[in-house]
Amino acid sequence: MDSDGGQSRMRASNADREQVVERLRVALNEGRLNLTEFDERTAAAYAAQTYAELKPLLTDLPPPAPAGRSRLATSPLLPLDPVGEKKARRRERDRRSVRKGWTGWLGMSVLVTGLWFIGVATDGFDNDGDFWFVWPVGIVALIMIVRTIAYVAKSDD
């Protein structure tokens, strides 16, 4: 009889095979197995009929770490902190919004200043002190400054 009381000759169940495959999956995620080894061992686990055939698949692997101490890398598809991910997406959206606002301000400034310059040039440059383009450019700049300050203050939280 075997040293384990004959258990190694006992037939393994589907649940036993799934348990071994799950441990192999954890080992793959921990970096203890490469993909080829994982595929080979998984195929062997599903083909195993007895405990004796399952045991060698795990003998060179340490037991899994407790959940609180596991150093598994997190999947980008399953964030550890969904609230933090949501805040990060909101911050990125706000940053893009501020950038688009400043880009729009720059485009509007060039357009308005160009129109002012064309008007002054067609007038023979006799239009002293009529800098009307400063009003729309300045007002929109003030609005953008307030938005930027609000964004920076919110980002510091």
Protein backbone atom coordinates (compact mmCIF):
# COMPACT_ATOMS: atom_id res chain seq x y z
CA MET A 1 0.00 0.00 0.00
CA ASP A 2 1.17 3.61 -0.64
CA SER A 3 2.48 5.86 2.13
CA ASP A 4 -0.62 8.03 1.72
CA GLY A 5 -2.96 5.14 2.46
CA GLY A 6 -3.78 4.45 -1.19
CA GLN A 7 -5.24 7.91 -1.79
CA SER A 8 -2.92 8.56 -4.74
CA ARG A 9 -4.64 5.73 -6.64
CA MET A 10 -8.09 7.18 -5.98
CA ARG A 11 -9.84 8.75 -8.91
CA ALA A 12 -9.93 12.56 -9.01
CA SER A 13 -13.20 14.43 -9.46
CA ASN A 14 -13.91 17.36 -11.76
CA ALA A 15 -13.81 19.62 -8.70
CA ASP A 16 -10.32 18.30 -7.84
CA ARG A 17 -9.11 19.03 -11.38
CA GLU A 18 -10.65 22.52 -11.30
CA GLN A 19 -8.95 23.23 -7.98
CA VAL A 20 -5.56 22.29 -9.47
CA VAL A 21 -6.21 24.41 -12.58
CA GLU A 22 -7.18 27.38 -10.39
CA ARG A 23 -3.91 27.03 -8.45
CA LEU A 24 -2.03 26.90 -11.77
CA ARG A 25 -3.86 30.05 -12.87
CA VAL A 26 -2.78 31.83 -9.67
CA ALA A 27 0.81 30.67 -10.25
CA LEU A 28 0.64 32.03 -13.80
CA ASN A 29 -0.60 35.40 -12.53
CA GLU A 30 2.15 35.45 -9.90
CA GLY A 31 4.74 34.87 -12.63
CA ARG A 32 5.73 31.44 -11.32
CA LEU A 33 4.71 29.74 -14.58
CA ASN A 34 5.02 30.92 -18.15
CA LEU A 35 2.15 30.52 -20.57
CA THR A 36 3.54 27.36 -22.16
CA GLU A 37 3.97 25.65 -18.78
CA PHE A 38 0.49 26.76 -17.76
CA ASP A 39 -1.03 25.31 -20.95
CA GLU A 40 0.83 22.00 -20.56
CA ARG A 41 -0.05 21.61 -16.89
CA THR A 42 -3.68 22.62 -17.46
CA ALA A 43 -4.03 20.01 -20.21
CA ALA A 44 -2.44 17.41 -17.93
CA ALA A 45 -4.77 18.39 -15.07
CA TYR A 46 -7.86 17.96 -17.21
CA ALA A 47 -6.53 14.62 -18.50
CA ALA A 48 -5.64 13.34 -15.00
CA GLN A 49 -7.69 10.46 -13.66
CA THR A 50 -6.11 9.97 -10.22
CA TYR A 51 -4.70 12.10 -7.43
CA ALA A 52 -1.26 10.68 -8.27
CA GLU A 53 -1.49 12.34 -11.70
CA LEU A 54 -2.55 15.70 -10.21
CA LYS A 55 0.06 15.90 -7.44
CA PRO A 56 3.18 16.41 -9.63
CA LEU A 57 1.54 19.40 -11.34
CA LEU A 58 1.80 21.43 -8.12
CA THR A 59 4.86 19.99 -6.35
CA ASP A 60 7.26 22.75 -7.47
CA LEU A 61 4.82 25.55 -6.57
CA PRO A 62 4.58 27.13 -3.12
CA PRO A 63 1.16 27.27 -1.49
CA PRO A 64 -0.88 30.33 -2.49
CA ALA A 65 -0.38 33.45 -0.38
CA PRO A 66 -3.27 34.52 1.86
CA ALA A 67 -5.57 36.98 0.10
CA GLY A 68 -4.40 39.94 2.20
CA ARG A 69 -0.73 39.27 1.47
CA SER A 70 -0.95 38.26 -2.18
CA ARG A 71 1.29 40.23 -4.49
CA LEU A 72 -0.65 39.52 -7.63
CA ALA A 73 -0.57 42.24 -10.22
CA THR A 74 -3.98 43.77 -10.71
CA SER A 75 -5.60 43.40 -14.07
CA PRO A 76 -6.20 46.66 -15.95
CA LEU A 77 -9.70 45.37 -16.62
CA LEU A 78 -10.42 44.89 -12.90
CA PRO A 79 -9.19 47.93 -10.98
CA LEU A 80 -8.62 47.57 -7.26
CA ASP A 81 -10.20 50.94 -6.58
CA PRO A 82 -13.22 51.63 -8.83
CA VAL A 83 -13.82 54.95 -7.05
CA GLY A 84 -10.22 56.00 -7.68
CA GLU A 85 -10.51 54.96 -11.32
CA LYS A 86 -13.67 57.03 -11.64
CA LYS A 87 -11.92 60.06 -10.12
CA ALA A 88 -8.96 59.58 -12.46
CA ARG A 89 -11.26 59.46 -15.50
CA ARG A 90 -13.08 62.59 -14.28
CA ARG A 91 -9.76 64.39 -13.71
CA GLU A 92 -8.59 63.44 -17.21
CA ARG A 93 -11.90 64.62 -18.71
CA ASP A 94 -11.63 67.94 -16.82
CA ARG A 95 -8.01 68.36 -17.92
CA ARG A 96 -9.01 67.84 -21.56
CA SER A 97 -11.88 70.28 -21.13
CA VAL A 98 -9.56 72.99 -19.80
CA ARG A 99 -7.08 72.31 -22.60
CA LYS A 100 -9.84 72.55 -25.22
CA GLY A 101 -11.01 75.80 -23.64
CA TRP A 102 -7.55 77.36 -23.90
CA THR A 103 -7.19 76.08 -27.46
CA GLY A 104 -10.53 77.67 -28.34
CA TRP A 105 -9.45 80.91 -26.66
CA LEU A 106 -6.24 80.95 -28.68
CA GLY A 107 -8.11 80.35 -31.94
CA MET A 108 -10.68 83.03 -31.10
CA SER A 109 -7.90 85.47 -30.16
CA VAL A 110 -6.08 84.94 -33.45
CA LEU A 111 -9.33 85.33 -35.42
CA VAL A 112 -10.50 88.47 -33.61
CA THR A 113 -7.05 90.06 -33.68
CA GLY A 114 -6.77 89.23 -37.38
CA LEU A 115 -10.15 90.86 -38.07
CA TRP A 116 -9.08 93.91 -36.08
CA PHE A 117 -5.81 94.10 -38.02
CA ILE A 118 -7.60 93.78 -41.38
CA GLY A 119 -9.99 96.56 -40.34
CA VAL A 120 -7.13 98.82 -39.27
CA ALA A 121 -5.13 98.04 -42.43
CA THR A 122 -8.05 98.83 -44.74
CA ASP A 123 -8.61 102.06 -42.83
CA GLY A 124 -5.09 103.18 -43.65
CA PHE A 125 -3.85 102.70 -40.08
CA ASP A 126 -5.60 105.93 -39.07
CA ASN A 127 -7.53 104.22 -36.27
CA ASP A 128 -5.52 105.27 -33.22
CA GLY A 129 -6.46 103.62 -29.91
CA ASP A 130 -9.40 101.54 -31.19
CA PHE A 131 -8.38 98.21 -29.66
CA TRP A 132 -11.86 96.64 -29.50
CA PHE A 133 -10.43 93.10 -29.90
CA VAL A 134 -9.11 93.29 -26.33
CA TRP A 135 -12.65 93.02 -24.91
CA PRO A 136 -13.68 89.60 -26.27
CA VAL A 137 -10.15 88.21 -25.88
CA GLY A 138 -9.85 89.53 -22.32
CA ILE A 139 -13.30 88.40 -21.16
CA VAL A 140 -12.83 84.87 -22.46
CA ALA A 141 -9.31 84.81 -20.96
CA LEU A 142 -10.73 85.73 -17.54
CA ILE A 143 -13.32 82.96 -17.81
CA MET A 144 -10.59 80.48 -18.74
CA ILE A 145 -8.37 81.62 -15.86
CA VAL A 146 -11.22 80.98 -13.41
CA ARG A 147 -11.86 77.53 -14.95
CA THR A 148 -8.17 76.66 -14.77
CA ILE A 149 -7.89 77.74 -11.13
CA ALA A 150 -10.98 75.67 -10.29
CA TYR A 151 -9.49 72.65 -12.09
CA VAL A 152 -6.15 72.97 -10.27
CA ALA A 153 -7.89 73.38 -6.90
CA LYS A 154 -10.05 70.32 -7.58
CA SER A 155 -7.03 68.28 -8.71
CA ASP A 156 -5.24 68.94 -5.42
CA ASP A 157 -8.03 67.20 -3.46
